[in-house]
Protein backbone atom coordinates (compact mmCIF):
# COMPACT_ATOMS: atom_id res chain seq x y z
CA MET A 1 120.59 91.05 122.07
CA ASN A 2 119.04 94.43 121.42
CA TYR A 3 116.06 95.20 119.26
CA LEU A 4 115.02 98.38 117.49
CA GLN A 5 111.30 97.94 117.08
CA TYR A 6 108.48 95.57 117.83
CA TYR A 7 105.17 95.74 115.97
CA PRO A 8 102.42 93.73 117.69
CA VAL A 9 100.22 94.06 114.60
CA ASP A 10 101.92 94.13 111.19
CA ILE A 11 100.55 93.39 107.72
CA VAL A 12 103.68 94.28 105.72
CA ASN A 13 106.45 91.88 106.79
CA GLY A 14 105.12 88.49 105.73
CA GLU A 15 101.79 86.92 104.92
CA GLY A 16 98.74 87.70 107.03
CA THR A 17 98.59 89.74 110.19
CA ARG A 18 101.77 89.20 112.20
CA CYS A 19 103.97 90.30 115.05
CA THR A 20 107.32 91.66 113.81
CA LEU A 21 110.57 92.06 115.72
CA PHE A 22 113.41 94.12 114.25
CA VAL A 23 116.64 93.04 115.93
CA SER A 24 119.82 95.09 116.19
CA GLY A 25 123.13 94.05 114.72
CA CYS A 26 124.22 93.33 111.17
CA THR A 27 127.68 93.01 109.68
CA HIS A 28 126.66 92.84 106.00
CA ALA A 29 126.50 96.65 105.53
CA CYS A 30 124.57 96.37 102.27
CA LYS A 31 124.75 99.48 100.09
CA GLY A 32 121.29 101.03 99.97
CA CYS A 33 120.04 99.23 103.10
CA TYR A 34 116.74 100.74 104.22
CA ASN A 35 117.51 100.11 107.90
CA GLN A 36 121.12 101.21 108.44
CA LYS A 37 120.39 102.19 112.04
CA SER A 38 119.99 98.46 112.73
CA TRP A 39 123.63 97.69 111.92
CA SER A 40 124.90 98.51 115.41
CA PHE A 41 124.51 95.73 117.96
CA SER A 42 124.04 98.38 120.67
CA ALA A 43 121.19 100.19 118.88
CA GLY A 44 117.75 100.01 120.42
CA VAL A 45 116.92 98.42 123.75
CA PRO A 46 117.78 95.08 125.35
CA PHE A 47 115.49 92.17 124.55
CA ASP A 48 114.27 90.99 127.93
CA ASN A 49 111.84 88.53 129.47
CA ALA A 50 109.07 91.15 129.42
CA MET A 51 109.43 91.54 125.64
CA GLU A 52 109.42 87.78 125.16
CA GLU A 53 106.26 87.49 127.24
CA GLN A 54 104.63 90.29 125.22
CA ILE A 55 105.34 88.53 121.94
CA LEU A 56 103.83 85.28 123.24
CA LYS A 57 100.82 87.13 124.66
CA ASP A 58 100.26 88.86 121.31
CA LEU A 59 100.58 85.62 119.34
CA LYS A 60 98.01 83.98 121.63
CA ASP A 61 95.61 86.94 121.54
CA THR A 62 92.29 85.79 120.06
CA ARG A 63 90.96 89.32 119.53
CA ILE A 64 93.47 89.97 116.72
CA LYS A 65 94.43 86.69 115.04
CA ARG A 66 98.06 86.70 114.02
CA GLN A 67 99.47 84.22 111.54
CA GLY A 68 102.89 84.33 113.17
CA LEU A 69 106.11 86.16 113.94
CA SER A 70 108.47 87.89 111.52
CA LEU A 71 112.13 88.39 112.44
CA SER A 72 114.00 91.13 110.61
CA GLY A 73 116.65 93.61 111.45
CA GLY A 74 119.57 93.90 111.55
CA ASP A 75 120.21 90.25 110.95
CA PRO A 76 118.36 87.72 113.11
CA LEU A 77 120.76 84.97 112.03
CA HIS A 78 123.92 86.76 113.15
CA PRO A 79 125.37 84.40 115.79
CA LEU A 80 125.07 87.08 118.50
CA ASN A 81 121.33 87.27 117.78
CA VAL A 82 120.80 83.51 117.41
CA GLU A 83 121.84 83.16 121.05
CA THR A 84 118.67 84.99 122.12
CA LEU A 85 116.34 84.11 119.26
CA LEU A 86 116.81 80.35 119.31
CA PRO A 87 115.12 79.91 122.71
CA LEU A 88 112.40 82.34 121.61
CA VAL A 89 111.50 80.49 118.39
CA GLN A 90 111.65 77.14 120.22
CA ARG A 91 109.19 78.47 122.80
CA ILE A 92 106.89 79.90 120.13
CA LYS A 93 106.72 76.58 118.28
CA ARG A 94 106.09 74.76 121.57
CA GLU A 95 103.36 77.12 122.84
CA CYS A 96 101.92 78.31 119.52
CA PRO A 97 102.40 75.44 117.07
CA ASP A 98 99.84 76.93 114.67
CA LYS A 99 101.92 80.11 114.17
CA ASP A 100 104.53 80.47 111.45
CA ILE A 101 107.91 82.18 111.70
CA TRP A 102 109.41 84.25 108.89
CA CYS A 103 113.04 85.38 108.97
CA TRP A 104 115.09 87.75 106.81
CA THR A 105 118.87 87.33 106.72
CA GLY A 106 121.77 88.66 104.67
CA TYR A 107 123.41 85.23 104.81
CA LYS A 108 122.75 82.76 102.01
CA LEU A 109 121.29 79.47 103.17
CA GLU A 110 124.46 77.60 102.20
CA GLU A 111 126.62 80.08 104.16
CA LEU A 112 124.97 79.34 107.50
CA ASP A 113 127.19 77.58 110.00
CA ASP A 114 126.04 74.75 112.27
CA TYR A 115 125.10 77.16 115.06
CA GLN A 116 122.97 79.38 112.80
CA ARG A 117 121.34 76.28 111.27
CA LYS A 118 119.88 75.43 114.67
CA MET A 119 117.25 78.09 113.89
CA LEU A 120 116.08 76.43 110.66
CA PRO A 121 113.78 73.76 112.14
CA TYR A 122 111.72 76.59 113.66
CA ILE A 123 111.61 78.88 110.61
CA ASP A 124 108.79 78.37 108.12
CA VAL A 125 109.89 80.98 105.56
CA LEU A 126 113.46 82.23 105.16
CA ILE A 127 114.35 85.13 102.89
CA ASP A 128 118.10 84.95 102.36
CA GLY A 129 120.83 86.97 100.72
CA LYS A 130 122.25 90.44 100.99
CA PHE A 131 120.36 93.36 99.55
CA VAL A 132 122.06 94.33 96.26
CA GLN A 133 121.10 97.84 95.22
CA GLU A 134 121.82 97.18 91.54
CA LEU A 135 119.32 94.29 91.64
CA ALA A 136 116.65 96.20 93.59
CA ASP A 137 113.11 95.85 92.30
CA PRO A 138 110.09 97.29 94.13
CA ALA A 139 107.83 94.80 92.35
CA LEU A 140 109.40 91.84 94.17
CA VAL A 141 107.34 90.22 96.90
CA TRP A 142 108.96 89.88 100.38
CA ARG A 143 112.44 90.80 99.12
CA GLY A 144 114.25 93.92 98.02
CA SER A 145 116.59 92.62 95.33
CA SER A 146 116.31 89.81 92.80
CA ASN A 147 119.27 87.83 94.20
CA GLN A 148 117.39 87.18 97.42
CA ILE A 149 115.52 83.88 97.64
CA VAL A 150 112.28 83.09 99.47
CA HIS A 151 112.65 79.59 100.94
CA ARG A 152 109.37 78.06 102.08
CA PHE A 153 110.26 75.22 104.42
CA ARG A 154 106.72 74.83 105.75
CA SER A 155 103.41 76.44 105.02
CA ASN A 156 100.67 76.90 107.60
CA GLU A 157 97.22 77.18 106.11
CA PHE A 158 94.72 79.27 108.03
């Protein structure tokens, strides 16, 4: 899996101060997508062990308390990305059980196959659905268009 960007301190993509990883690869090709450069699976740089270690180090850093990790893209729930992200989210929940994980996907919850659903036990907040330009509303919180749904599976209180 490749990724386009990693923000060790982010206050925009989810609640609280977070780490955010923008993965490469998306097949939805939503009209009006704000991150079209993320559509290519070869965009960015390879996600490697060093990047994984950096994310864990940042999540454990007590100098800047982070509420958790946000996964965006691209599409983190594309099967080619799940292959890499599933072990990552499992490790985060094992080593940082007090951190939450947010994930944005163009798939609807009911469209996820069994393989993609393996991510769900580790995701606290899932924002699902393709971006629909005709339903875009800048007043929406955590989503770009009104068809997208914010699913709160778990809520960590800090």
